Protein backbone atom coordinates (compact mmCIF):
# COMPACT_ATOMS: atom_id res chain seq x y z
CA MET A 1 41.36 -21.59 89.03
CA PHE A 2 40.71 -20.60 92.63
CA ILE A 3 41.20 -16.92 93.48
CA CYS A 4 41.03 -16.07 97.18
CA PRO A 5 38.09 -13.71 97.80
CA LYS A 6 39.86 -12.28 100.88
CA CYS A 7 43.33 -11.40 99.64
CA GLY A 8 43.23 -12.01 95.88
CA ASN A 9 45.85 -14.78 95.94
CA LYS A 10 46.01 -16.62 92.60
CA LYS A 11 48.97 -18.89 93.33
CA GLN A 12 47.66 -22.42 93.59
CA LEU A 13 50.75 -23.38 95.57
CA TYR A 14 49.11 -21.61 98.51
CA VAL A 15 45.69 -23.19 98.08
CA SER A 16 44.57 -26.19 100.09
CA TYR A 17 41.30 -28.14 100.32
CA LYS A 18 38.99 -29.22 103.10
CA ASN A 19 35.94 -31.34 102.29
CA ASN A 20 36.74 -30.66 98.63
CA LYS A 21 36.43 -26.90 99.21
CA PRO A 22 39.43 -24.67 98.51
CA TYR A 23 40.83 -22.19 101.00
CA CYS A 24 43.82 -19.85 100.96
CA LEU A 25 46.84 -20.58 103.13
CA LEU A 26 48.28 -17.08 102.81
CA CYS A 27 45.50 -15.31 104.70
CA LEU A 28 44.47 -18.17 106.97
CA ASN A 29 45.36 -16.12 110.05
CA PHE A 30 43.29 -13.12 108.95
CA ASN A 31 40.09 -14.35 110.56
CA GLN A 32 39.09 -11.23 112.46
CA GLU A 33 35.51 -10.21 113.03
CA ILE A 34 34.19 -8.24 110.05
CA ALA A 35 33.05 -4.72 110.93
CA ASN A 36 29.26 -4.74 110.78
CA ILE A 37 28.94 -1.13 109.65
CA SER A 38 27.41 0.74 106.74
CA LYS A 39 29.37 1.57 103.60
CA THR A 40 28.86 5.30 104.10
CA ILE A 41 28.29 7.65 107.03
CA LYS A 42 25.94 10.55 107.60
CA PRO A 43 27.46 13.74 106.09
CA LYS A 44 28.32 16.30 108.74
CA LYS A 45 30.00 19.66 109.09
CA VAL A 46 33.66 19.19 110.00
CA ASN A 47 35.86 21.64 111.91
CA ILE A 48 39.65 21.38 111.98
CA TYR A 49 41.22 22.45 115.28
CA LEU A 50 44.88 23.42 114.83
CA ASN A 51 46.75 26.03 116.85
CA TYR A 52 49.08 26.80 113.93
CA HIS A 53 48.80 27.49 110.21
CA LEU A 54 50.01 25.29 107.37
CA THR A 55 52.82 26.65 105.24
CA TYR A 56 52.17 27.84 101.70
CA ASP A 57 53.66 24.63 100.28
CA GLN A 58 51.61 22.43 102.59
CA ARG A 59 48.41 24.26 101.59
CA LYS A 60 49.19 23.82 97.88
CA ILE A 61 49.56 20.08 98.27
CA ALA A 62 46.51 19.87 100.55
CA ASN A 63 44.38 21.58 97.86
CA ASN A 64 45.82 19.30 95.20
CA LEU A 65 44.86 16.26 97.29
CA VAL A 66 41.27 17.50 97.47
CA GLN A 67 41.13 17.83 93.67
CA SER A 68 42.57 14.34 93.23
CA TYR A 69 39.99 12.94 95.64
CA LEU A 70 37.09 14.69 93.86
CA ASN A 71 38.41 13.33 90.55
CA LYS A 72 38.68 9.83 92.11
CA ARG A 73 42.39 9.74 91.35
CA ASP A 74 44.93 7.91 93.51
CA VAL A 75 47.95 10.01 94.44
CA LEU A 76 51.36 9.72 96.11
CA VAL A 77 52.61 12.28 98.63
CA ASN A 78 56.41 12.07 98.51
CA ALA A 79 57.51 14.28 101.41
CA VAL A 80 60.67 14.35 103.49
CA CYS A 81 60.57 13.21 107.10
CA GLY A 82 59.12 16.04 109.17
CA ALA A 83 57.33 17.76 106.27
CA GLY A 84 54.00 17.50 108.11
CA LYS A 85 52.27 14.76 106.11
CA THR A 86 49.49 14.36 108.68
CA GLU A 87 48.64 18.08 108.48
CA ILE A 88 48.64 17.91 104.67
CA VAL A 89 45.81 15.33 104.57
CA LEU A 90 43.49 17.08 107.05
CA LYS A 91 41.63 19.05 104.39
CA VAL A 92 40.90 16.04 102.18
CA ILE A 93 39.68 14.13 105.26
CA LYS A 94 37.31 17.02 106.01
CA VAL A 95 35.95 17.00 102.43
CA ALA A 96 35.44 13.23 102.43
CA ILE A 97 33.56 13.22 105.76
CA GLU A 98 31.35 16.11 104.66
CA GLN A 99 30.41 14.04 101.58
CA GLY A 100 29.41 11.09 103.76
CA CYS A 101 32.53 8.97 103.18
CA ARG A 102 34.24 7.11 105.99
CA VAL A 103 38.02 7.62 106.04
CA GLY A 104 40.59 4.90 106.66
CA PHE A 105 44.07 5.86 107.86
CA ILE A 106 46.33 2.82 107.56
CA ILE A 107 49.70 2.76 109.34
CA PRO A 108 52.18 -0.14 109.51
CA ARG A 109 52.86 -0.14 113.27
CA ARG A 110 50.54 -0.08 116.27
CA GLU A 111 52.63 2.50 118.20
CA VAL A 112 52.09 5.02 115.41
CA VAL A 113 48.40 4.08 115.12
CA ILE A 114 48.00 5.06 118.78
CA GLU A 115 49.85 8.35 118.31
CA ILE A 116 48.04 9.38 115.11
CA GLY A 117 44.68 8.34 116.54
CA GLN A 118 45.19 10.61 119.55
CA ARG A 119 46.27 13.51 117.32
CA LEU A 120 43.25 13.18 115.05
CA LYS A 121 40.91 13.13 118.05
CA ARG A 122 42.32 16.50 119.11
CA ILE A 123 42.10 17.91 115.59
CA PHE A 124 38.60 16.60 114.71
CA LYS A 125 36.82 17.09 118.02
CA ASN A 126 33.31 16.61 116.61
CA LEU A 127 34.15 13.32 114.83
CA LYS A 128 34.40 9.77 116.08
CA VAL A 129 38.01 8.65 115.61
CA THR A 130 38.56 4.95 116.25
CA SER A 131 41.93 3.21 116.54
CA VAL A 132 42.01 -0.48 115.64
CA TYR A 133 45.06 -2.71 116.11
CA GLY A 134 46.00 -6.05 117.65
CA GLY A 135 44.56 -6.26 121.16
CA HIS A 136 42.44 -3.13 120.65
CA SER A 137 39.53 -3.99 118.40
CA LYS A 138 36.31 -4.00 120.41
CA VAL A 139 35.06 -0.79 118.79
CA LEU A 140 35.15 -0.98 114.99
CA ASP A 141 32.92 1.89 113.84
CA GLY A 142 33.85 5.53 113.40
CA ASP A 143 34.04 8.46 111.01
CA ILE A 144 37.81 8.02 110.83
CA ILE A 145 39.33 4.58 111.39
CA VAL A 146 43.05 4.53 112.19
CA LEU A 147 44.32 0.98 111.82
CA THR A 148 47.23 -1.31 111.09
CA ALA A 149 47.30 -3.09 107.75
CA HIS A 150 46.63 -6.40 109.50
CA GLN A 151 43.15 -5.12 110.47
CA ALA A 152 42.21 -4.23 106.89
CA ARG A 153 40.15 -7.38 106.27
CA ARG A 154 37.52 -6.06 108.69
CA TYR A 155 36.75 -3.12 106.37
CA LYS A 156 36.08 -4.41 102.86
CA ASP A 157 34.56 -1.56 100.77
CA LYS A 158 34.08 0.65 103.84
CA PHE A 159 36.34 3.63 103.02
CA GLY A 160 35.57 6.36 100.50
CA LEU A 161 39.05 7.72 101.17
CA CYS A 162 41.97 5.58 102.28
CA ILE A 163 45.25 7.13 103.42
CA ILE A 164 48.22 4.80 103.71
CA ASP A 165 51.18 6.22 105.60
CA GLU A 166 54.71 4.85 105.19
CA VAL A 167 53.88 2.64 102.22
CA ASP A 168 57.52 1.57 102.05
CA ALA A 169 57.57 0.22 105.62
CA PHE A 170 57.46 -3.28 107.07
CA PRO A 171 55.16 -5.21 107.27
CA TYR A 172 53.05 -3.63 104.50
CA PHE A 173 55.72 -3.14 101.85
CA GLY A 174 56.24 -6.20 99.67
CA ASN A 175 53.50 -8.21 101.41
CA LYS A 176 51.02 -9.03 98.65
CA VAL A 177 48.43 -10.36 101.09
CA LEU A 178 48.37 -7.12 103.07
CA GLU A 179 48.48 -5.03 99.91
CA ASN A 180 45.44 -6.85 98.51
CA LEU A 181 43.51 -6.66 101.79
CA VAL A 182 44.19 -2.93 102.00
CA LYS A 183 43.20 -2.44 98.37
CA ASP A 184 39.81 -4.02 99.07
CA THR A 185 39.00 -1.56 101.88
CA CYS A 186 38.44 1.39 99.56
CA TYR A 187 35.74 2.04 96.99
CA GLY A 188 37.00 5.60 96.43
CA SER A 189 40.53 6.93 96.14
CA PHE A 190 43.86 6.30 97.87
CA VAL A 191 46.49 8.68 99.21
CA PHE A 192 49.88 6.96 99.54
CA MET A 193 52.47 8.71 101.72
CA SER A 194 56.19 8.15 102.13
CA ALA A 195 59.54 9.88 102.45
CA THR A 196 61.20 6.98 100.63
CA PRO A 197 58.70 5.50 98.13
CA SER A 198 59.71 2.55 95.96
CA LYS A 199 59.46 2.53 92.17
CA ASN A 200 56.17 0.64 92.53
CA TYR A 201 54.52 4.04 93.02
CA ASP A 202 55.95 5.71 89.93
CA LYS A 203 52.64 5.07 88.13
CA TYR A 204 50.77 7.46 90.43
CA LYS A 205 50.56 11.22 90.33
CA SER A 206 53.23 12.43 92.75
CA LEU A 207 53.07 15.50 94.98
CA ASN A 208 56.60 16.19 96.23
CA LEU A 209 57.58 18.27 99.23
CA ASN A 210 61.29 18.53 99.97
CA LYS A 211 61.23 20.91 102.90
CA ARG A 212 60.14 20.47 106.48
CA TYR A 213 57.28 22.54 107.86
CA HIS A 214 59.68 24.78 109.79
CA GLY A 215 61.72 25.54 106.67
CA TYR A 216 64.99 23.98 107.81
CA PRO A 217 66.67 21.12 105.91
CA VAL A 218 66.74 17.49 107.01
CA PRO A 219 70.04 16.95 108.87
CA THR A 220 72.59 15.15 106.70
CA PRO A 221 74.49 12.32 108.40
CA LYS A 222 78.20 12.32 109.10
CA LEU A 223 79.72 9.08 107.76
CA LEU A 224 82.60 8.01 110.00
CA LYS A 225 84.89 5.07 109.29
CA LYS A 226 86.05 3.50 112.56
CA ASP A 227 86.78 0.02 113.83
CA SER A 228 84.43 -1.49 116.41
CA PHE A 229 86.45 -0.38 119.45
CA ARG A 230 86.72 3.23 118.24
CA GLN A 231 82.99 3.27 117.44
CA ILE A 232 82.24 2.40 121.07
CA ILE A 233 84.65 5.02 122.41
CA PHE A 234 83.14 7.65 120.10
CA MET A 235 79.62 6.70 121.18
CA ILE A 236 80.43 6.97 124.89
CA LYS A 237 82.11 10.33 124.37
CA LYS A 238 79.10 11.72 122.47
CA LEU A 239 76.54 10.31 124.93
CA ASN A 240 78.35 11.94 127.82
CA GLU A 241 78.37 15.22 125.88
CA TYR A 242 74.64 14.94 125.14
CA LYS A 243 73.92 14.22 128.79
CA ARG A 244 75.73 17.38 129.87
CA ASN A 245 73.70 19.40 127.37
CA ASN A 246 70.38 17.70 128.15
CA LYS A 247 70.02 16.20 124.67
CA PRO A 248 68.26 12.82 124.34
CA CYS A 249 69.82 10.30 121.96
CA LEU A 250 68.75 7.21 120.04
CA VAL A 251 71.52 4.69 119.42
CA TYR A 252 70.62 2.29 116.60
CA LEU A 253 72.08 -1.20 116.48
CA PRO A 254 71.57 -4.02 113.98
CA LYS A 255 70.58 -6.76 116.46
CA ILE A 256 68.51 -7.12 119.61
CA LYS A 257 71.33 -8.76 121.56
CA MET A 258 73.51 -5.73 120.74
CA CYS A 259 70.89 -3.40 122.23
CA LEU A 260 71.01 -5.37 125.46
CA TYR A 261 74.81 -5.53 125.49
CA PHE A 262 75.26 -1.79 125.04
CA TYR A 263 72.50 -1.02 127.50
CA TYR A 264 74.24 -3.03 130.23
CA LEU A 265 77.58 -1.52 129.25
CA TYR A 266 76.50 2.12 129.25
CA ARG A 267 74.31 1.70 132.34
CA LEU A 268 77.56 1.55 134.32
CA ILE A 269 78.13 5.18 133.25
CA ASP A 270 74.56 6.52 133.19
CA ASN A 271 71.63 4.58 134.62
CA LYS A 272 69.14 6.86 132.84
CA CYS A 273 69.18 4.66 129.74
CA TYR A 274 67.12 1.75 128.43
CA TYR A 275 66.58 -0.46 125.40
CA PHE A 276 63.78 -0.81 122.87
CA HIS A 277 63.18 -3.59 120.33
CA SER A 278 60.42 -5.77 118.87
CA GLN A 279 60.36 -8.20 121.82
CA VAL A 280 59.90 -5.51 124.47
CA ILE A 281 56.46 -5.84 126.08
CA LYS A 282 55.69 -2.37 127.47
CA LYS A 283 56.61 -0.39 124.37
CA GLU A 284 54.29 2.57 124.98
CA ASP A 285 55.53 2.90 128.57
CA ILE A 286 59.19 2.99 127.51
CA LEU A 287 58.58 5.58 124.78
CA SER A 288 56.54 7.74 127.17
CA LYS A 289 59.40 7.73 129.68
CA PHE A 290 61.87 8.61 126.92
CA ARG A 291 59.69 11.53 125.82
CA ARG A 292 59.51 12.74 129.43
CA GLN A 293 63.33 12.50 129.52
CA GLU A 294 63.33 9.89 132.27
CA TYR A 295 65.86 8.20 129.95
CA ASN A 296 68.72 10.05 128.31
CA VAL A 297 69.46 7.25 125.87
CA LEU A 298 67.54 4.46 124.15
CA PHE A 299 69.47 1.63 122.52
CA THR A 300 67.23 0.40 119.75
CA THR A 301 66.91 -1.53 116.51
CA THR A 302 65.38 -0.34 113.25
CA ILE A 303 61.96 -0.73 114.90
CA LEU A 304 62.31 2.98 115.73
CA GLU A 305 63.37 4.04 112.25
CA ARG A 306 59.94 5.73 112.07
CA GLY A 307 57.14 6.99 114.22
CA ILE A 308 59.02 8.78 116.98
CA THR A 309 59.27 12.56 117.32
CA LEU A 310 61.24 14.06 120.18
CA SER A 311 62.52 17.57 120.79
CA ASN A 312 66.29 18.10 120.47
CA LEU A 313 66.92 14.44 119.58
CA GLN A 314 70.36 13.20 118.45
CA VAL A 315 71.10 9.96 116.57
CA ILE A 316 74.04 7.56 116.45
CA VAL A 317 74.01 4.43 114.26
CA LEU A 318 76.63 1.86 115.21
CA PHE A 319 77.87 -0.76 112.73
CA SER A 320 76.05 1.01 109.89
CA ASN A 321 77.68 -1.32 107.36
CA HIS A 322 75.56 -4.22 108.66
CA TYR A 323 73.19 -5.59 106.00
CA ILE A 324 70.13 -4.68 108.09
CA PHE A 325 70.78 -1.01 107.38
CA ASN A 326 69.72 0.00 103.87
CA THR A 327 69.30 3.30 102.09
CA MET A 328 65.63 3.68 102.98
CA ASN A 329 65.85 2.97 106.70
CA LEU A 330 69.01 5.07 107.07
CA ILE A 331 67.13 8.01 105.52
CA GLN A 332 64.25 7.42 107.91
CA ILE A 333 66.62 7.21 110.89
CA ALA A 334 68.26 10.51 109.93
CA GLY A 335 64.75 11.96 109.68
CA ARG A 336 64.21 11.50 113.43
CA VAL A 337 66.46 14.52 114.07
CA GLY A 338 65.47 18.18 113.85
CA ARG A 339 61.72 17.67 113.59
CA LYS A 340 60.76 20.34 116.13
CA LYS A 341 60.78 24.03 115.25
CA LYS A 342 62.60 24.93 118.48
CA TYR A 343 65.42 22.49 117.64
CA PRO A 344 65.48 22.16 113.82
CA SER A 345 68.94 20.61 113.64
CA GLY A 346 71.05 18.02 115.43
CA ASP A 347 73.65 15.29 115.10
CA VAL A 348 73.29 12.21 112.91
CA TYR A 349 76.29 9.85 112.91
CA PHE A 350 76.63 6.70 110.80
CA LEU A 351 79.61 4.75 112.21
CA ALA A 352 81.03 1.79 110.32
CA SER A 353 84.18 -0.21 109.73
CA LYS A 354 83.66 0.57 106.04
CA ILE A 355 81.43 3.02 104.20
CA THR A 356 78.85 1.02 102.26
CA SER A 357 77.00 2.02 99.10
CA GLU A 358 73.77 2.05 101.14
CA MET A 359 75.23 4.60 103.54
CA GLN A 360 76.56 6.69 100.67
CA ARG A 361 73.21 6.66 98.82
CA ALA A 362 71.36 7.70 101.98
CA TYR A 363 73.73 10.63 102.40
CA GLU A 364 73.46 11.65 98.73
CA ASN A 365 69.66 11.41 98.80
CA LEU A 366 69.41 13.77 101.77
CA VAL A 367 71.84 16.22 100.18
CA LYS A 368 69.77 16.12 96.99
CA VAL A 369 66.36 16.72 98.62
CA ASN A 370 67.81 19.59 100.62
CA ASN A 371 69.10 21.20 97.42
CA ASP A 372 66.10 20.44 95.18
CA GLU A 373 63.15 22.76 94.66
CA VAL A 374 60.82 22.78 97.61
CA MET A 375 57.70 21.46 95.89
CA SER A 376 56.81 19.82 92.60
CA PHE A 377 53.86 18.06 91.01
CA VAL A 378 54.53 15.09 88.72
């Protein structure tokens, strides 16, 4: 039986033949240049440059991650949105580099790869931090490689420590090809991170952190039952209120065409708004303008359920009963609010013609994590 050496596929349904030689159809498009780099790096002294201190709970988990790494044990960090997961892994990255191990930091989406790559460059000033994603892959070597899962095939057995952020996110979650390619990158240990991990990760040691770094709870959403017309009226009223109080807002919609419709509708009231979805070309430019408050409002899809942090942000989800909105992405959407210490709270509204079980579970989950003990080891 043919087993794909690239992605581990065993299903013969996805095997074809050319000149009597088998090849895998599942990973046919993963034909990137393989990184011609050594398995290990030269050990070096690592300094961490942060202008703030980790909390007691963050330090406890950071130390536990180091012990898991030294014991070659894979581990899950189950932490609420805004708990400071990046800060938690800094110490284990330092230990791995000082032992001569290259570190891989795998993230589902390119926008977040760019952001995390820039942050790590500021934190590890004496290390080479390389970001690799579609359209940005000329430089493949580094002490720390920040990459999308689609670039994993370049790095077979190149990471002594592999950190995978947002393991529950598209396109990594549920994609066996990507999961197998990522698995092959690491000869050491994995750190899986998520605020909403699936049951697939129950087999791993879990380090749980249910409080944000600033000590305030994750905002719980208000579930409002309204027909479509009243949802629109409510949205306009709130957006006008936010504009008066200089509060940026993300409005989530289930479809791209809805983003465009509401953008053109609300632009008649406030031209400092825009839209953001998977087909937008200049994504980084739009997000930069939103962060600089050149836009008061972004109408978006679930593409921005993760990876965006903005001071004093408010959130409205229209038509929350649509099937595209599930418990996990609603939790992530709520987690966009209150992430900054200066503005640790804010509005989260889920508007729907009927309250779905997915909406209710998202609400109950956030209530539960806010009431649970801050930290636990499982």
